[in-house]
Amino acid sequence: MSDPRVLVVSIDGVLPGLLTPTVAPALTALARSGASCFAARTVRPAMTRPVHVSMLCGVDPSVQG
């Protein structure tokens, strides 16, 4: 039995509509081959570390501190 792996790719400051197959062919191919979300919204204020922790833990920054 193989060891299951998960790859999470989060890119700050990029509008999802700009990630096209022409501009980012490897990234869009990776997104097509697994689960992806190009419609996610951030929390305010949008600070990288708290937002990423919230995304991985599934709780609002006000909860996780």
N, C-alpha and C. Protein backbone atom coordinates (compact mmCIF):
# COMPACT_ATOMS: atom_id res chain seq x y z
N MET A 1 0.85 -1.18 0.00
CA MET A 1 0.00 0.00 0.00
C MET A 1 0.89 1.24 0.00
N SER A 2 0.58 2.20 -0.85
CA SER A 2 1.39 3.41 -0.92
C SER A 2 0.99 4.41 0.15
N ASP A 3 1.93 5.25 0.48
CA ASP A 3 1.70 6.30 1.48
C ASP A 3 0.96 7.45 0.80
N PRO A 4 -0.27 7.79 1.25
CA PRO A 4 -1.01 8.88 0.60
C PRO A 4 -0.31 10.22 0.82
N ARG A 5 -0.29 11.02 -0.19
CA ARG A 5 0.36 12.34 -0.13
C ARG A 5 -0.62 13.42 -0.53
N VAL A 6 -0.44 14.59 0.05
CA VAL A 6 -1.25 15.76 -0.29
C VAL A 6 -0.31 16.91 -0.57
N LEU A 7 -0.56 17.61 -1.65
CA LEU A 7 0.19 18.81 -2.00
C LEU A 7 -0.77 19.98 -1.99
N VAL A 8 -0.47 20.99 -1.19
CA VAL A 8 -1.29 22.20 -1.14
C VAL A 8 -0.47 23.33 -1.76
N VAL A 9 -1.04 23.96 -2.77
CA VAL A 9 -0.38 25.09 -3.43
C VAL A 9 -1.25 26.31 -3.21
N SER A 10 -0.68 27.32 -2.59
CA SER A 10 -1.40 28.58 -2.37
C SER A 10 -0.51 29.70 -2.87
N ILE A 11 -1.07 30.55 -3.72
CA ILE A 11 -0.29 31.63 -4.31
C ILE A 11 -0.90 32.96 -3.88
N ASP A 12 -0.12 33.77 -3.21
CA ASP A 12 -0.60 35.07 -2.75
C ASP A 12 -0.62 36.09 -3.89
N GLY A 13 -1.64 36.91 -3.88
CA GLY A 13 -1.68 38.07 -4.76
C GLY A 13 -1.90 37.79 -6.23
N VAL A 14 -2.48 36.66 -6.58
CA VAL A 14 -2.73 36.35 -7.98
C VAL A 14 -4.22 36.17 -8.18
N LEU A 15 -4.76 36.88 -9.14
CA LEU A 15 -6.16 36.67 -9.50
C LEU A 15 -6.29 35.33 -10.20
N PRO A 16 -7.23 34.48 -9.78
CA PRO A 16 -7.36 33.15 -10.37
C PRO A 16 -7.52 33.17 -11.89
N GLY A 17 -8.17 34.17 -12.43
CA GLY A 17 -8.36 34.26 -13.87
C GLY A 17 -7.06 34.44 -14.64
N LEU A 18 -6.00 34.83 -13.95
CA LEU A 18 -4.71 35.02 -14.61
C LEU A 18 -3.93 33.72 -14.73
N LEU A 19 -4.35 32.68 -14.03
CA LEU A 19 -3.67 31.39 -14.09
C LEU A 19 -4.28 30.55 -15.21
N THR A 20 -3.89 30.85 -16.42
CA THR A 20 -4.40 30.15 -17.59
C THR A 20 -3.40 29.09 -18.04
N PRO A 21 -3.83 28.14 -18.84
CA PRO A 21 -2.89 27.14 -19.36
C PRO A 21 -1.73 27.75 -20.14
N THR A 22 -1.94 28.88 -20.77
CA THR A 22 -0.87 29.54 -21.52
C THR A 22 0.17 30.13 -20.58
N VAL A 23 -0.29 30.76 -19.51
CA VAL A 23 0.61 31.43 -18.56
C VAL A 23 1.24 30.44 -17.59
N ALA A 24 0.47 29.49 -17.12
CA ALA A 24 0.96 28.54 -16.10
C ALA A 24 0.53 27.12 -16.46
N PRO A 25 1.11 26.53 -17.50
CA PRO A 25 0.66 25.21 -17.96
C PRO A 25 0.83 24.10 -16.92
N ALA A 26 1.94 24.07 -16.22
CA ALA A 26 2.16 23.00 -15.23
C ALA A 26 1.19 23.14 -14.06
N LEU A 27 0.97 24.36 -13.60
CA LEU A 27 0.07 24.59 -12.47
C LEU A 27 -1.37 24.25 -12.82
N THR A 28 -1.82 24.66 -14.00
CA THR A 28 -3.19 24.34 -14.39
C THR A 28 -3.37 22.85 -14.64
N ALA A 29 -2.35 22.18 -15.16
CA ALA A 29 -2.43 20.72 -15.34
C ALA A 29 -2.51 20.03 -13.98
N LEU A 30 -1.73 20.50 -13.03
CA LEU A 30 -1.77 19.94 -11.68
C LEU A 30 -3.16 20.14 -11.06
N ALA A 31 -3.73 21.32 -11.25
CA ALA A 31 -5.07 21.61 -10.71
C ALA A 31 -6.12 20.71 -11.35
N ARG A 32 -5.99 20.46 -12.64
CA ARG A 32 -6.96 19.59 -13.33
C ARG A 32 -6.87 18.14 -12.88
N SER A 33 -5.69 17.71 -12.47
CA SER A 33 -5.51 16.30 -12.12
C SER A 33 -5.90 15.99 -10.67
N GLY A 34 -6.22 17.01 -9.89
CA GLY A 34 -6.61 16.79 -8.50
C GLY A 34 -7.77 17.68 -8.12
N ALA A 35 -7.85 17.99 -6.85
CA ALA A 35 -8.88 18.90 -6.38
C ALA A 35 -8.33 20.32 -6.44
N SER A 36 -9.16 21.27 -6.81
CA SER A 36 -8.71 22.66 -6.89
C SER A 36 -9.87 23.60 -6.63
N CYS A 37 -9.52 24.82 -6.28
CA CYS A 37 -10.51 25.86 -6.05
C CYS A 37 -9.95 27.18 -6.53
N PHE A 38 -10.57 27.73 -7.54
CA PHE A 38 -10.14 29.02 -8.07
C PHE A 38 -11.11 30.13 -7.67
N ALA A 39 -12.01 29.85 -6.74
CA ALA A 39 -12.99 30.85 -6.32
C ALA A 39 -12.92 31.13 -4.83
N ALA A 40 -11.85 30.73 -4.17
CA ALA A 40 -11.72 30.95 -2.74
C ALA A 40 -11.57 32.44 -2.45
N ARG A 41 -12.03 32.85 -1.31
CA ARG A 41 -11.91 34.25 -0.87
C ARG A 41 -11.14 34.28 0.43
N THR A 42 -10.41 35.33 0.64
CA THR A 42 -9.62 35.45 1.85
C THR A 42 -10.41 36.15 2.96
N VAL A 43 -9.85 36.18 4.11
CA VAL A 43 -10.43 36.92 5.23
C VAL A 43 -9.78 38.29 5.28
N ARG A 44 -10.37 39.19 6.01
CA ARG A 44 -9.81 40.53 6.16
C ARG A 44 -9.39 40.74 7.60
N PRO A 45 -8.25 41.26 7.88
CA PRO A 45 -7.24 41.65 6.91
C PRO A 45 -6.54 40.43 6.33
N ALA A 46 -6.16 40.53 5.08
CA ALA A 46 -5.55 39.41 4.38
C ALA A 46 -4.05 39.37 4.69
N MET A 47 -3.70 38.68 5.76
CA MET A 47 -2.30 38.52 6.14
C MET A 47 -1.91 37.07 5.88
N THR A 48 -0.82 36.87 5.17
CA THR A 48 -0.46 35.55 4.65
C THR A 48 -0.45 34.45 5.69
N ARG A 49 0.31 34.59 6.74
CA ARG A 49 0.45 33.48 7.69
C ARG A 49 -0.88 33.10 8.35
N PRO A 50 -1.65 34.06 8.91
CA PRO A 50 -2.94 33.68 9.50
C PRO A 50 -3.91 33.07 8.49
N VAL A 51 -3.90 33.57 7.27
CA VAL A 51 -4.80 33.03 6.25
C VAL A 51 -4.42 31.60 5.90
N HIS A 52 -3.14 31.32 5.75
CA HIS A 52 -2.71 29.96 5.42
C HIS A 52 -2.99 28.99 6.56
N VAL A 53 -2.76 29.41 7.80
CA VAL A 53 -3.08 28.55 8.94
C VAL A 53 -4.58 28.27 8.98
N SER A 54 -5.38 29.29 8.75
CA SER A 54 -6.83 29.11 8.74
C SER A 54 -7.27 28.16 7.63
N MET A 55 -6.66 28.28 6.47
CA MET A 55 -7.00 27.41 5.35
C MET A 55 -6.67 25.95 5.69
N LEU A 56 -5.54 25.72 6.30
CA LEU A 56 -5.12 24.35 6.61
C LEU A 56 -5.88 23.77 7.80
N CYS A 57 -6.25 24.63 8.77
CA CYS A 57 -6.94 24.14 9.98
C CYS A 57 -8.46 24.21 9.87
N GLY A 58 -8.96 25.04 8.95
CA GLY A 58 -10.40 25.16 8.77
C GLY A 58 -11.10 26.03 9.80
N VAL A 59 -10.34 26.95 10.40
CA VAL A 59 -10.96 27.86 11.37
C VAL A 59 -10.59 29.29 11.03
N ASP A 60 -11.43 30.21 11.43
CA ASP A 60 -11.21 31.64 11.20
C ASP A 60 -10.00 32.12 12.00
N PRO A 61 -9.24 33.10 11.49
CA PRO A 61 -8.10 33.62 12.24
C PRO A 61 -8.46 34.12 13.63
N SER A 62 -9.67 34.62 13.81
CA SER A 62 -10.07 35.10 15.14
C SER A 62 -10.17 33.94 16.13
N VAL A 63 -10.38 32.73 15.65
CA VAL A 63 -10.48 31.55 16.51
C VAL A 63 -9.09 30.98 16.81
N GLN A 64 -8.26 30.87 15.77
CA GLN A 64 -6.96 30.24 15.95
C GLN A 64 -5.88 31.19 16.43
N GLY A 65 -6.16 32.51 16.43
CA GLY A 65 -5.21 33.47 16.98
C GLY A 65 -4.01 33.66 16.11
